[in-house]
C-alpha atoms as a PDB file:
ATOM      1  CA  GLY A   1      -9.930  18.761  -1.779  1.00  0.00           C
ATOM      2  CA  GLN A   2      -9.867  15.440   0.048  1.00  0.00           C
ATOM      3  CA  GLU A   3      -6.665  14.257  -1.612  1.00  0.00           C
ATOM      4  CA  ALA A   4      -4.778  17.413  -0.624  1.00  0.00           C
ATOM      5  CA  ARG A   5      -5.857  17.044   2.999  1.00  0.00           C
ATOM      6  CA  ALA A   6      -4.792  13.401   2.957  1.00  0.00           C
ATOM      7  CA  LEU A   7      -1.377  14.304   1.571  1.00  0.00           C
ATOM      8  CA  GLN A   8      -0.853  16.777   4.408  1.00  0.00           C
ATOM      9  CA  GLN A   9      -1.504  13.973   6.880  1.00  0.00           C
ATOM     10  CA  VAL A  10       0.990  11.755   5.073  1.00  0.00           C
ATOM     11  CA  ARG A  11       3.694  14.339   5.659  1.00  0.00           C
ATOM     12  CA  ALA A  12       2.742  14.555   9.345  1.00  0.00           C
ATOM     13  CA  MET A  13       2.572  10.840  10.159  1.00  0.00           C
ATOM     14  CA  SER A  14       4.249   7.654   8.949  1.00  0.00           C
ATOM     15  CA  VAL A  15       3.252   6.031   5.703  1.00  0.00           C
ATOM     16  CA  VAL A  16       2.138   2.891   7.506  1.00  0.00           C
ATOM     17  CA  ALA A  17      -0.173   4.620   9.933  1.00  0.00           C
ATOM     18  CA  PHE A  18      -1.634   6.703   7.125  1.00  0.00           C
ATOM     19  CA  THR A  19      -2.341   3.769   4.865  1.00  0.00           C
ATOM     20  CA  SER A  20      -3.989   1.694   7.584  1.00  0.00           C
ATOM     21  CA  ALA A  21      -5.910   4.428   9.401  1.00  0.00           C
ATOM     22  CA  ALA A  22      -6.501   7.416   7.123  1.00  0.00           C
ATOM     23  CA  THR A  23      -7.656   5.413   4.113  1.00  0.00           C
ATOM     24  CA  ARG A  24     -10.244   3.531   6.156  1.00  0.00           C
ATOM     25  CA  ALA A  25     -11.361   6.756   7.819  1.00  0.00           C
ATOM     26  CA  GLY A  26     -12.304   8.142   4.413  1.00  0.00           C
ATOM     27  CA  LEU A  27      -9.602  10.785   4.178  1.00  0.00           C
ATOM     28  CA  THR A  28      -8.777   9.704   0.651  1.00  0.00           C
ATOM     29  CA  SER A  29     -10.991   8.551  -2.123  1.00  0.00           C
ATOM     30  CA  PRO A  30     -10.252   5.249  -3.887  1.00  0.00           C
ATOM     31  CA  ARG A  31      -9.366   7.254  -6.979  1.00  0.00           C
ATOM     32  CA  GLY A  32      -6.886   9.358  -4.997  1.00  0.00           C
ATOM     33  CA  ALA A  33      -5.123   6.257  -3.692  1.00  0.00           C
ATOM     34  CA  THR A  34      -4.914   4.576  -7.089  1.00  0.00           C
ATOM     35  CA  PRO A  35      -1.933   5.132  -9.395  1.00  0.00           C
ATOM     36  CA  THR A  36      -3.198   7.200 -12.338  1.00  0.00           C
ATOM     37  CA  ARG A  37      -3.046   6.468 -16.058  1.00  0.00           C
ATOM     38  CA  ALA A  38      -2.354   2.781 -15.461  1.00  0.00           C
ATOM     39  CA  ARG A  39      -1.340   0.622 -18.384  1.00  0.00           C
ATOM     40  CA  SER A  40      -0.780  -3.136 -18.718  1.00  0.00           C
ATOM     41  CA  LEU A  41       2.667  -4.481 -19.516  1.00  0.00           C
ATOM     42  CA  ASP A  42       3.961  -7.955 -20.103  1.00  0.00           C
ATOM     43  CA  ARG A  43       7.019  -9.304 -18.265  1.00  0.00           C
ATOM     44  CA  ARG A  44       9.419  -7.788 -20.846  1.00  0.00           C
ATOM     45  CA  GLY A  45       8.094  -4.283 -20.236  1.00  0.00           C
ATOM     46  CA  HIS A  46       6.300  -4.047 -23.590  1.00  0.00           C
ATOM     47  CA  ARG A  47       2.722  -2.849 -23.879  1.00  0.00           C
ATOM     48  CA  ALA A  48       0.585  -5.942 -23.400  1.00  0.00           C
ATOM     49  CA  LYS A  49      -1.918  -6.987 -26.047  1.00  0.00           C
ATOM     50  CA  PRO A  50      -5.442  -7.982 -24.977  1.00  0.00           C
ATOM     51  CA  PRO A  51      -5.237 -11.550 -23.615  1.00  0.00           C
ATOM     52  CA  ILE A  52      -6.344 -14.196 -26.106  1.00  0.00           C
ATOM     53  CA  PRO A  53      -6.724 -17.892 -25.321  1.00  0.00           C
ATOM     54  CA  THR A  54      -3.805 -19.170 -27.414  1.00  0.00           C
ATOM     55  CA  SER A  55      -0.573 -20.960 -26.533  1.00  0.00           C
ATOM     56  CA  HIS A  56       1.334 -17.763 -27.340  1.00  0.00           C
ATOM     57  CA  ASP A  57      -0.050 -16.211 -24.169  1.00  0.00           C
ATOM     58  CA  ARG A  58       0.837 -19.053 -21.831  1.00  0.00           C
ATOM     59  CA  GLY A  59       2.605 -17.930 -18.711  1.00  0.00           C
ATOM     60  CA  ARG A  60       2.200 -14.246 -19.602  1.00  0.00           C
ATOM     61  CA  ARG A  61       1.681 -11.998 -16.596  1.00  0.00           C
ATOM     62  CA  ARG A  62      -0.239  -8.746 -16.569  1.00  0.00           C
ATOM     63  CA  SER A  63       1.251  -5.981 -14.475  1.00  0.00           C
ATOM     64  CA  VAL A  64      -0.363  -2.698 -13.532  1.00  0.00           C
ATOM     65  CA  VAL A  65       2.050   0.200 -13.290  1.00  0.00           C
ATOM     66  CA  ALA A  66       1.737   3.900 -12.885  1.00  0.00           C
ATOM     67  CA  LYS A  67       2.544   6.289 -15.706  1.00  0.00           C
ATOM     68  CA  GLY A  68       2.536  10.020 -15.975  1.00  0.00           C
ATOM     69  CA  LYS A  69       1.295  12.058 -13.010  1.00  0.00           C
ATOM     70  CA  LYS A  70       2.288  10.558  -9.662  1.00  0.00           C
ATOM     71  CA  GLY A  71      -0.441   9.057  -7.516  1.00  0.00           C
ATOM     72  CA  LEU A  72      -0.847   9.331  -3.762  1.00  0.00           C
ATOM     73  CA  PHE A  73       1.129   6.128  -3.120  1.00  0.00           C
ATOM     74  CA  ASP A  74       4.172   7.536  -4.928  1.00  0.00           C
ATOM     75  CA  GLU A  75       3.865  10.773  -2.951  1.00  0.00           C
ATOM     76  CA  MET A  76       3.924   8.754   0.277  1.00  0.00           C
ATOM     77  CA  LEU A  77       7.046   6.848  -0.784  1.00  0.00           C
ATOM     78  CA  ASP A  78       8.708  10.151  -1.702  1.00  0.00           C
ATOM     79  CA  VAL A  79       8.103  11.328   1.863  1.00  0.00           C
ATOM     80  CA  MET A  80       9.449   8.104   3.415  1.00  0.00           C
ATOM     81  CA  GLU A  81      12.440   7.747   1.081  1.00  0.00           C
ATOM     82  CA  GLY A  82      13.561  11.388   1.174  1.00  0.00           C
ATOM     83  CA  GLY A  83      12.341  12.408  -2.262  1.00  0.00           C
ATOM     84  CA  PRO A  84      12.245  10.855  -5.738  1.00  0.00           C
ATOM     85  CA  LYS A  85      15.988  11.223  -6.274  1.00  0.00           C
ATOM     86  CA  LEU A  86      16.664   8.763  -3.439  1.00  0.00           C
ATOM     87  CA  ARG A  87      14.170   6.198  -4.721  1.00  0.00           C
ATOM     88  CA  LYS A  88      16.355   4.567  -7.369  1.00  0.00           C
ATOM     89  CA  TRP A  89      15.686   1.081  -5.981  1.00  0.00           C
ATOM     90  CA  TYR A  90      11.997   1.450  -6.699  1.00  0.00           C
ATOM     91  CA  GLY A  91      12.643   1.829 -10.431  1.00  0.00           C
ATOM     92  CA  GLN A  92      11.278   5.365 -10.598  1.00  0.00           C
ATOM     93  CA  ASP A  93      14.292   7.030 -12.196  1.00  0.00           C
ATOM     94  CA  SER A  94      16.037   6.554 -15.489  1.00  0.00           C
ATOM     95  CA  SER A  95      19.184   5.055 -13.928  1.00  0.00           C
ATOM     96  CA  VAL A  96      17.348   1.763 -13.384  1.00  0.00           C
ATOM     97  CA  GLY A  97      15.099   1.716 -16.432  1.00  0.00           C
ATOM     98  CA  ALA A  98      11.856   3.200 -17.570  1.00  0.00           C
ATOM     99  CA  PRO A  99       8.667   2.882 -15.545  1.00  0.00           C
ATOM    100  CA  GLY A 100       7.104  -0.526 -16.130  1.00  0.00           C
ATOM    101  CA  GLU A 101      10.357  -2.474 -16.380  1.00  0.00           C
ATOM    102  CA  GLU A 102      11.016  -5.179 -13.824  1.00  0.00           C
ATOM    103  CA  ARG A 103      13.627  -4.521 -11.157  1.00  0.00           C
ATOM    104  CA  VAL A 104      16.774  -6.549 -11.611  1.00  0.00           C
ATOM    105  CA  GLY A 105      17.311  -9.296  -9.064  1.00  0.00           C
ATOM    106  CA  ASP A 106      13.957  -9.235  -7.306  1.00  0.00           C
ATOM    107  CA  GLY A 107      12.066 -11.793  -9.354  1.00  0.00           C
ATOM    108  CA  GLY A 108       9.913  -9.182 -11.080  1.00  0.00           C
ATOM    109  CA  VAL A 109       7.788  -8.062  -8.170  1.00  0.00           C
ATOM    110  CA  SER A 110       4.555  -6.535  -9.400  1.00  0.00           C
ATOM    111  CA  ALA A 111       0.831  -6.582  -8.869  1.00  0.00           C
ATOM    112  CA  VAL A 112       0.066  -9.698 -10.865  1.00  0.00           C
ATOM    113  CA  ALA A 113      -3.195 -11.066 -12.175  1.00  0.00           C
ATOM    114  CA  GLU A 114      -3.555 -14.780 -11.638  1.00  0.00           C
ATOM    115  CA  PRO A 115      -2.358 -16.648 -14.746  1.00  0.00           C
ATOM    116  CA  THR A 116      -5.237 -18.366 -16.454  1.00  0.00           C
ATOM    117  CA  PRO A 117      -3.844 -20.407 -19.379  1.00  0.00           C
ATOM    118  CA  ASP A 118      -1.231 -22.457 -17.571  1.00  0.00           C
ATOM    119  CA  GLU A 119      -0.512 -21.566 -13.954  1.00  0.00           C
ATOM    120  CA  GLU A 120       1.826 -24.504 -13.439  1.00  0.00           C
ATOM    121  CA  GLU A 121       4.042 -23.323 -16.292  1.00  0.00           C
ATOM    122  CA  GLU A 122       4.461 -19.931 -14.627  1.00  0.00           C
ATOM    123  CA  LEU A 123       5.123 -21.503 -11.247  1.00  0.00           C
ATOM    124  CA  ARG A 124       7.867 -23.632 -12.770  1.00  0.00           C
ATOM    125  CA  GLU A 125       9.496 -20.409 -13.943  1.00  0.00           C
ATOM    126  CA  TRP A 126       9.285 -19.033 -10.380  1.00  0.00           C
ATOM    127  CA  ASP A 127      10.858 -22.267  -9.109  1.00  0.00           C
ATOM    128  CA  LYS A 128      14.006 -21.483 -11.096  1.00  0.00           C
ATOM    129  CA  LYS A 129      14.527 -18.170  -9.285  1.00  0.00           C
ATOM    130  CA  PRO A 130      16.134 -17.664  -5.860  1.00  0.00           C
ATOM    131  CA  ARG A 131      13.680 -17.099  -3.046  1.00  0.00           C
ATOM    132  CA  ARG A 132      13.903 -13.658  -1.447  1.00  0.00           C
ATOM    133  CA  GLY A 133      10.307 -12.720  -0.723  1.00  0.00           C
ATOM    134  CA  THR A 134       7.866 -12.847   2.183  1.00  0.00           C
ATOM    135  CA  LEU A 135       4.310 -14.161   2.027  1.00  0.00           C
ATOM    136  CA  VAL A 136       1.883 -12.030   4.053  1.00  0.00           C
ATOM    137  CA  ALA A 137      -1.200 -14.113   4.871  1.00  0.00           C
ATOM    138  CA  GLY A 138      -4.074 -11.924   6.027  1.00  0.00           C
ATOM    139  CA  ALA A 139      -3.214  -9.104   3.643  1.00  0.00           C
ATOM    140  CA  GLU A 140      -6.821  -7.931   3.798  1.00  0.00           C
ATOM    141  CA  THR A 141      -6.513  -6.928   7.477  1.00  0.00           C
ATOM    142  CA  ALA A 142      -5.306  -3.570   8.799  1.00  0.00           C
ATOM    143  CA  LEU A 143      -2.192  -5.158  10.310  1.00  0.00           C
ATOM    144  CA  GLY A 144      -1.537  -7.049   7.075  1.00  0.00           C
ATOM    145  CA  GLU A 145      -1.570  -3.773   5.134  1.00  0.00           C
ATOM    146  CA  ALA A 146       0.829  -2.178   7.604  1.00  0.00           C
ATOM    147  CA  ILE A 147       3.199  -5.169   7.432  1.00  0.00           C
ATOM    148  CA  ILE A 148       3.214  -5.028   3.642  1.00  0.00           C
ATOM    149  CA  MET A 149       4.066  -1.322   3.739  1.00  0.00           C
ATOM    150  CA  GLN A 150       6.939  -1.978   6.155  1.00  0.00           C
ATOM    151  CA  LEU A 151       8.297  -4.682   3.826  1.00  0.00           C
ATOM    152  CA  ILE A 152       8.035  -2.404   0.787  1.00  0.00           C
ATOM    153  CA  VAL A 153       9.921   0.404   2.517  1.00  0.00           C
ATOM    154  CA  ALA A 154      12.516  -2.197   3.628  1.00  0.00           C
ATOM    155  CA  LYS A 155      12.921  -3.156  -0.062  1.00  0.00           C
ATOM    156  CA  GLN A 156      11.677  -6.715   0.440  1.00  0.00           C
ATOM    157  CA  PRO A 157       9.693  -8.554  -2.261  1.00  0.00           C
ATOM    158  CA  VAL A 158       6.142  -9.240  -1.059  1.00  0.00           C
ATOM    159  CA  VAL A 159       3.458 -11.777  -1.941  1.00  0.00           C
ATOM    160  CA  ALA A 160       0.066 -10.812  -0.513  1.00  0.00           C
ATOM    161  CA  LEU A 161      -2.362 -13.663   0.166  1.00  0.00           C
ATOM    162  CA  GLY A 162      -6.040 -12.787   0.381  1.00  0.00           C
ATOM    163  CA  ILE A 163      -6.405  -9.728  -1.871  1.00  0.00           C
ATOM    164  CA  SER A 164      -7.006  -9.419  -5.599  1.00  0.00           C
ATOM    165  CA  PRO A 165      -4.366  -8.176  -8.059  1.00  0.00           C
ATOM    166  CA  GLU A 166      -6.549  -5.119  -8.697  1.00  0.00           C
ATOM    167  CA  THR A 167      -6.685  -4.305  -4.989  1.00  0.00           C
ATOM    168  CA  ALA A 168      -2.927  -4.784  -4.665  1.00  0.00           C
ATOM    169  CA  ALA A 169      -2.317  -2.455  -7.609  1.00  0.00           C
ATOM    170  CA  SER A 170      -4.542   0.269  -6.165  1.00  0.00           C
ATOM    171  CA  ARG A 171      -2.981   0.088  -2.678  1.00  0.00           C
ATOM    172  CA  TYR A 172       0.676  -0.623  -3.378  1.00  0.00           C
ATOM    173  CA  GLY A 173       1.339   0.100  -7.032  1.00  0.00           C
ATOM    174  CA  PRO A 174       3.677  -2.373  -8.766  1.00  0.00           C
ATOM    175  CA  TYR A 175       5.464  -3.558  -5.623  1.00  0.00           C
ATOM    176  CA  VAL A 176       3.356  -6.574  -4.594  1.00  0.00           C
ATOM    177  CA  VAL A 177       2.421  -9.948  -6.075  1.00  0.00           C
ATOM    178  CA  ALA A 178      -1.186 -10.775  -5.191  1.00  0.00           C
ATOM    179  CA  VAL A 179      -2.815 -14.191  -4.783  1.00  0.00           C
ATOM    180  CA  GLU A 180      -6.496 -13.750  -4.011  1.00  0.00           C
ATOM    181  CA  ASP A 181      -7.579 -17.250  -2.952  1.00  0.00           C
ATOM    182  CA  PRO A 182      -6.400 -18.047   0.619  1.00  0.00           C
ATOM    183  CA  ALA A 183      -6.594 -21.749  -0.274  1.00  0.00           C
ATOM    184  CA  SER A 184      -3.785 -21.179  -2.823  1.00  0.00           C
ATOM    185  CA  ALA A 185      -1.127 -20.660  -0.139  1.00  0.00           C
ATOM    186  CA  ALA A 186       1.040 -23.412  -1.614  1.00  0.00           C
ATOM    187  CA  ASN A 187       1.139 -21.729  -5.024  1.00  0.00           C
ATOM    188  CA  ALA A 188       1.695 -18.347  -3.378  1.00  0.00           C
ATOM    189  CA  LEU A 189       4.792 -19.679  -1.601  1.00  0.00           C
ATOM    190  CA  ARG A 190       6.225 -20.840  -4.900  1.00  0.00           C
ATOM    191  CA  ARG A 191       6.254 -17.230  -6.091  1.00  0.00           C
ATOM    192  CA  GLY A 192       9.652 -16.617  -4.512  1.00  0.00           C
ATOM    193  CA  CYS A 193       8.830 -16.790  -0.780  1.00  0.00           C
ATOM    194  CA  ARG A 194      11.394 -17.827   1.801  1.00  0.00           C
ATOM    195  CA  ALA A 195       9.434 -16.565   4.824  1.00  0.00           C
ATOM    196  CA  VAL A 196       5.817 -16.240   5.961  1.00  0.00           C
ATOM    197  CA  ILE A 197       4.068 -13.713   8.198  1.00  0.00           C
ATOM    198  CA  CYS A 198       0.530 -14.812   9.045  1.00  0.00           C
ATOM    199  CA  CYS A 199      -1.670 -12.164  10.658  1.00  0.00           C
ATOM    200  CA  GLY A 200      -5.050 -13.503   9.510  1.00  0.00           C
ATOM    201  CA  ASP A 201      -6.733 -16.884   9.500  1.00  0.00           C
ATOM    202  CA  SER A 202      -4.114 -19.632   9.488  1.00  0.00           C
ATOM    203  CA  GLY A 203      -6.203 -21.765   7.103  1.00  0.00           C
ATOM    204  CA  VAL A 204      -3.980 -23.975   4.956  1.00  0.00           C
ATOM    205  CA  VAL A 205      -0.830 -21.894   5.507  1.00  0.00           C
ATOM    206  CA  PRO A 206       0.825 -24.274   8.039  1.00  0.00           C
ATOM    207  CA  ALA A 207       0.211 -27.278   5.800  1.00  0.00           C
ATOM    208  CA  ALA A 208       1.512 -25.353   2.795  1.00  0.00           C
ATOM    209  CA  VAL A 209       4.739 -24.502   4.632  1.00  0.00           C
ATOM    210  CA  VAL A 210       5.321 -28.188   5.421  1.00  0.00           C
ATOM    211  CA  ALA A 211       4.554 -29.312   1.867  1.00  0.00           C
ATOM    212  CA  ASP A 212       6.726 -26.580   0.332  1.00  0.00           C
ATOM    213  CA  GLY A 213       9.899 -27.526   2.175  1.00  0.00           C
ATOM    214  CA  LYS A 214      11.754 -24.334   1.199  1.00  0.00           C
ATOM    215  CA  VAL A 215      10.370 -21.856   3.744  1.00  0.00           C
ATOM    216  CA  LYS A 216      13.079 -20.773   6.190  1.00  0.00           C
ATOM    217  CA  HIS A 217      10.961 -18.994   8.820  1.00  0.00           C
ATOM    218  CA  ALA A 218       7.268 -18.762   9.720  1.00  0.00           C
ATOM    219  CA  VAL A 219       5.974 -15.868  11.847  1.00  0.00           C
ATOM    220  CA  LEU A 220       2.501 -16.072  13.374  1.00  0.00           C
ATOM    221  CA  VAL A 221       0.974 -12.865  14.716  1.00  0.00           C
ATOM    222  CA  SER A 222      -1.261 -13.844  17.632  1.00  0.00           C
ATOM    223  CA  SER A 223      -2.551 -11.463  20.317  1.00  0.00           C
ATOM    224  CA  ALA A 224      -1.830 -10.679  23.951  1.00  0.00           C
ATOM    225  CA  ALA A 225      -4.751  -8.263  24.178  1.00  0.00           C
ATOM    226  CA  ASN A 226      -7.008  -8.717  27.198  1.00  0.00           C
ATOM    227  CA  GLY A 227     -10.671  -9.038  26.415  1.00  0.00           C
ATOM    228  CA  GLY A 228     -10.019 -10.052  22.802  1.00  0.00           C
ATOM    229  CA  GLY A 229     -12.824  -9.445  20.368  1.00  0.00           C
ATOM    230  CA  GLY A 230     -13.952  -6.169  21.925  1.00  0.00           C
ATOM    231  CA  LEU A 231     -14.774  -3.012  20.011  1.00  0.00           C
ATOM    232  CA  LEU A 232     -11.550  -1.608  18.548  1.00  0.00           C
ATOM    233  CA  GLY A 233     -13.064   1.346  16.806  1.00  0.00           C
ATOM    234  CA  GLY A 234     -13.956   1.687  13.172  1.00  0.00           C
ATOM    235  CA  ILE A 235     -10.602   0.525  11.867  1.00  0.00           C
ATOM    236  CA  PHE A 236      -9.750  -2.924  13.196  1.00  0.00           C
ATOM    237  CA  GLY A 237     -13.149  -4.572  13.455  1.00  0.00           C
ATOM    238  CA  GLY A 238     -12.179  -7.227  16.009  1.00  0.00           C
ATOM    239  CA  ASP A 239      -8.960  -8.446  14.341  1.00  0.00           C
ATOM    240  CA  ASP A 240      -7.281  -8.664  17.772  1.00  0.00           C
ATOM    241  CA  GLY A 241      -9.987 -11.013  19.004  1.00  0.00           C
ATOM    242  CA  ARG A 242      -9.727 -13.285  15.967  1.00  0.00           C
ATOM    243  CA  ARG A 243      -5.971 -13.571  16.411  1.00  0.00           C
ATOM    244  CA  THR A 244      -6.365 -14.916  19.969  1.00  0.00           C
ATOM    245  CA  ASP A 245      -7.711 -18.262  18.712  1.00  0.00           C
ATOM    246  CA  PRO A 246      -5.410 -20.851  20.378  1.00  0.00           C
ATOM    247  CA  ALA A 247      -5.874 -23.223  17.448  1.00  0.00           C
ATOM    248  CA  ARG A 248      -3.805 -20.867  15.283  1.00  0.00           C
ATOM    249  CA  GLU A 249      -0.847 -21.097  17.645  1.00  0.00           C
ATOM    250  CA  ASP A 250      -1.148 -24.881  17.925  1.00  0.00           C
ATOM    251  CA  ALA A 251      -1.146 -25.231  14.129  1.00  0.00           C
ATOM    252  CA  PHE A 252       2.087 -23.246  13.809  1.00  0.00           C
ATOM    253  CA  ARG A 253       3.854 -24.921  16.729  1.00  0.00           C
ATOM    254  CA  ALA A 254       3.264 -28.225  14.972  1.00  0.00           C
ATOM    255  CA  ILE A 255       5.292 -27.186  11.893  1.00  0.00           C
ATOM    256  CA  ALA A 256       8.494 -26.189  13.706  1.00  0.00           C
ATOM    257  CA  GLY A 257      10.169 -29.291  12.319  1.00  0.00           C
ATOM    258  CA  ALA A 258       9.678 -27.976   8.785  1.00  0.00           C
ATOM    259  CA  ALA A 259      10.567 -24.309   9.492  1.00  0.00           C
ATOM    260  CA  PRO A 260      11.490 -22.440  12.695  1.00  0.00           C
ATOM    261  CA  VAL A 261       8.464 -20.607  14.088  1.00  0.00           C
ATOM    262  CA  THR A 262       8.059 -17.252  15.844  1.00  0.00           C
ATOM    263  CA  ILE A 263       4.787 -16.466  17.619  1.00  0.00           C
ATOM    264  CA  ALA A 264       4.522 -12.735  18.317  1.00  0.00           C
ATOM    265  CA  ARG A 265       1.658 -11.486  20.500  1.00  0.00           C
ATOM    266  CA  PRO A 266       1.055  -7.742  20.319  1.00  0.00           C
ATOM    267  CA  ALA A 267      -0.988  -5.976  22.975  1.00  0.00           C
ATOM    268  CA  ARG A 268      -4.206  -4.266  21.889  1.00  0.00           C
ATOM    269  CA  ILE A 269      -3.471  -2.532  18.594  1.00  0.00           C
ATOM    270  CA  ARG A 270      -4.485   1.096  18.255  1.00  0.00           C
ATOM    271  CA  ALA A 271      -4.318   3.508  15.344  1.00  0.00           C
ATOM    272  CA  GLY A 272      -1.598   6.125  15.496  1.00  0.00           C
ATOM    273  CA  MET A 273       2.006   6.952  14.796  1.00  0.00           C
ATOM    274  CA  GLY A 274       4.797   4.668  15.892  1.00  0.00           C
ATOM    275  CA  GLY A 275       8.222   5.333  17.343  1.00  0.00           C
ATOM    276  CA  LYS A 276       7.564   4.883  21.064  1.00  0.00           C
ATOM    277  CA  PRO A 277       9.671   2.457  23.114  1.00  0.00           C
ATOM    278  CA  ILE A 278       8.879  -1.247  22.733  1.00  0.00           C
ATOM    279  CA  VAL A 279       8.754  -3.758  25.597  1.00  0.00           C
ATOM    280  CA  PHE A 280       9.124  -7.522  25.014  1.00  0.00           C
ATOM    281  CA  GLY A 281       7.887 -10.097  27.506  1.00  0.00           C
ATOM    282  CA  GLN A 282       7.692 -13.849  27.962  1.00  0.00           C
ATOM    283  CA  LYS A 283       5.274 -15.679  30.216  1.00  0.00           C
ATOM    284  CA  GLY A 284       6.742 -16.850  33.489  1.00  0.00           C
ATOM    285  CA  LYS A 285       9.938 -14.830  33.146  1.00  0.00           C
ATOM    286  CA  GLY A 286       8.837 -11.528  34.647  1.00  0.00           C
ATOM    287  CA  LYS A 287       9.811  -9.510  31.595  1.00  0.00           C
ATOM    288  CA  GLY A 288       7.523  -6.934  30.059  1.00  0.00           C
ATOM    289  CA  ALA A 289       4.779  -7.575  32.616  1.00  0.00           C
ATOM    290  CA  GLY A 290       1.405  -6.183  31.699  1.00  0.00           C
ATOM    291  CA  ALA A 291       1.825  -6.409  27.914  1.00  0.00           C
ATOM    292  CA  GLY A 292      -1.609  -7.993  27.643  1.00  0.00           C
ATOM    293  CA  GLY A 293      -3.217  -4.977  29.285  1.00  0.00           C
ATOM    294  CA  GLY A 294      -1.218  -2.396  27.352  1.00  0.00           C
ATOM    295  CA  GLU A 295      -1.377  -1.051  23.829  1.00  0.00           C
ATOM    296  CA  VAL A 296       0.831  -0.833  20.773  1.00  0.00           C
ATOM    297  CA  SER A 297       0.458   1.377  17.734  1.00  0.00           C
ATOM    298  CA  LEU A 298      -0.324  -0.223  14.394  1.00  0.00           C
ATOM    299  CA  GLU A 299       2.938   0.999  12.902  1.00  0.00           C
ATOM    300  CA  ASP A 300       5.019  -0.351  15.801  1.00  0.00           C
ATOM    301  CA  ALA A 301       3.196  -3.700  15.713  1.00  0.00           C
ATOM    302  CA  ALA A 302       3.946  -4.051  12.009  1.00  0.00           C
ATOM    303  CA  GLU A 303       7.602  -3.153  12.493  1.00  0.00           C
ATOM    304  CA  VAL A 304       8.055  -5.747  15.242  1.00  0.00           C
ATOM    305  CA  CYS A 305       6.523  -8.411  12.988  1.00  0.00           C
ATOM    306  CA  VAL A 306       8.908  -7.527  10.171  1.00  0.00           C
ATOM    307  CA  ARG A 307      11.889  -7.382  12.566  1.00  0.00           C
ATOM    308  CA  CYS A 308      11.106 -10.980  13.549  1.00  0.00           C
ATOM    309  CA  LEU A 309      12.346 -12.025  10.123  1.00  0.00           C
ATOM    310  CA  GLY A 310      15.854 -10.925  11.089  1.00  0.00           C
ATOM    311  CA  ALA A 311      15.897 -12.936  14.327  1.00  0.00           C
ATOM    312  CA  PRO A 312      14.655 -16.454  13.544  1.00  0.00           C
ATOM    313  CA  PRO A 313      14.996 -19.199  16.160  1.00  0.00           C
ATOM    314  CA  LYS A 314      17.080 -22.275  15.439  1.00  0.00           C
ATOM    315  CA  PRO A 315      15.641 -25.036  13.239  1.00  0.00           C
ATOM    316  CA  GLY A 316      13.017 -27.002  15.136  1.00  0.00           C
ATOM    317  CA  GLU A 317      12.475 -24.287  17.756  1.00  0.00           C
ATOM    318  CA  VAL A 318       9.519 -22.041  18.542  1.00  0.00           C
ATOM    319  CA  LEU A 319      10.093 -18.494  19.816  1.00  0.00           C
ATOM    320  CA  GLU A 320       7.087 -16.969  21.629  1.00  0.00           C
ATOM    321  CA  PHE A 321       6.832 -13.486  23.133  1.00  0.00           C
ATOM    322  CA  ASP A 322       4.429 -10.643  23.923  1.00  0.00           C
ATOM    323  CA  PHE A 323       5.113  -7.003  23.171  1.00  0.00           C
ATOM    324  CA  ALA A 324       3.636  -3.562  23.758  1.00  0.00           C
ATOM    325  CA  ASN A 325       4.611   0.092  23.752  1.00  0.00           C
ATOM    326  CA  GLY A 326       6.472   1.010  26.903  1.00  0.00           C
ATOM    327  CA  PRO A 327       6.802   4.289  28.771  1.00  0.00           C
ATOM    328  CA  GLY A 328       8.845   7.127  27.338  1.00  0.00           C
ATOM    329  CA  ALA A 329       8.794   9.555  24.469  1.00  0.00           C
ATOM    330  CA  ALA A 330       8.868   8.597  20.813  1.00  0.00           C
ATOM    331  CA  GLY A 331      11.995   8.979  18.752  1.00  0.00           C
ATOM    332  CA  ALA A 332      14.624   7.093  20.767  1.00  0.00           C
ATOM    333  CA  LYS A 333      16.677   4.545  18.834  1.00  0.00           C
ATOM    334  CA  ARG A 334      15.544   0.996  19.527  1.00  0.00           C
ATOM    335  CA  ASP A 335      17.930  -1.783  20.487  1.00  0.00           C
ATOM    336  CA  TRP A 336      16.409  -4.566  18.374  1.00  0.00           C
ATOM    337  CA  LYS A 337      19.373  -6.863  18.909  1.00  0.00           C
ATOM    338  CA  GLY A 338      19.033  -6.485  22.667  1.00  0.00           C
ATOM    339  CA  LEU A 339      15.255  -6.954  22.594  1.00  0.00           C
ATOM    340  CA  PHE A 340      15.403 -10.216  20.628  1.00  0.00           C
ATOM    341  CA  GLY A 341      18.523 -11.334  22.476  1.00  0.00           C
ATOM    342  CA  SER A 342      16.596 -11.241  25.765  1.00  0.00           C
ATOM    343  CA  LEU A 343      14.159 -13.919  24.533  1.00  0.00           C
ATOM    344  CA  ASP A 344      14.433 -17.682  24.929  1.00  0.00           C
ATOM    345  CA  ALA A 345      13.026 -20.146  22.391  1.00  0.00           C
ATOM    346  CA  ASN A 346      11.252 -23.346  23.387  1.00  0.00           C
END
C-alpha cells in the first residue's frame, strides 16, 4: 500500500528529506505517519486520568506516546540510528525504562499539550531545570520540519513554536515540546531553551530573546535566493521569498547585545537528498561567489542551520554568511570547523 511504498523511500533517502518532501507529496497518509495506539501519560509515566478542573491537576502535562506496533516515524529513526538496538537514548528499549517514561536529564521532552489550569506554575518548574534545548520558530514550514528532525537525530531537546501538540505528536512522536501560539515565544523559551533557530516570521521572537536574558545564541535563517518569492514547486510555497524580508534581519541584528546572532542565508532550497559539498560565502570577500544564484538541498540547509549552534560568534557580535551546494559528488566528509573558521563576524 501507500505506507509500504513510503517506507521504501525512507530507506533510500535521508529521514529529513523524506519527512519534508515525501509527506507533502502524499506518499504517506496521515494515519501512516502517526504513532499507533497512542495513550496519554502524566509526567510520572502513569496512565493519565481525564483532565478535571481541580487543583489536583495543576501543572499536569499530557504526553502522547507510541505503544505497541511501531509507526512510520519509529521506522525512520531505526533506519537513521542503525536499528532499534542502537536507539537506547530515545527510550525505546528496556535499559532506559518502559515506553512513556521521561528520559533522564533532558527535562522530559515530549509532545505537550498547553497547560490550562496554571501555566505559570508549570513554567516555574521549567525555570528550575538547566537549559539544554533549542526553540525552532517557524516549525510549520518545510525547513522548520527538517531542522527539527536534524535536532532530534542529534539528540537535542526541541521546542517547536507554531504547531499544535497534536501535530507535533503525529510528526515527531514524543520527542518535541509544542507551543502553538507564535505570540507565546517568551513562554516557549522558558521551556528549557538556550538557543533559538528562527526560519519563519520573526514576530515577537527577538523581543522575547531580549526579555528572557538566558538565551545564549540566536540563529536567523534568511535567504540568499535570487528572485525570492518565485514558484518553488508544490513543497515550499514561497518560503524562500518570505525569508528575504530585510526587516527580519534588522530585528535580529538589534538583539546582539542580549545574545550573539548568526544570520545564515541559504541559496534557493530544493527538495532532495543531502550530502553534497557545501560552500560558504560572505559579501565583499570573494568567497562562495554565486551562492544567491545556486541551490541547496533541504536536508543540507537544515544541517547547516543546526551546525550554526556549535559555532556561535562572540557576545555582542553578528555572524552573517551565505551558503549553497558546491560542485562535486555527495558523500565526502565535510570540514565544518574549516567552513565556519573562514567566516568573520561583524
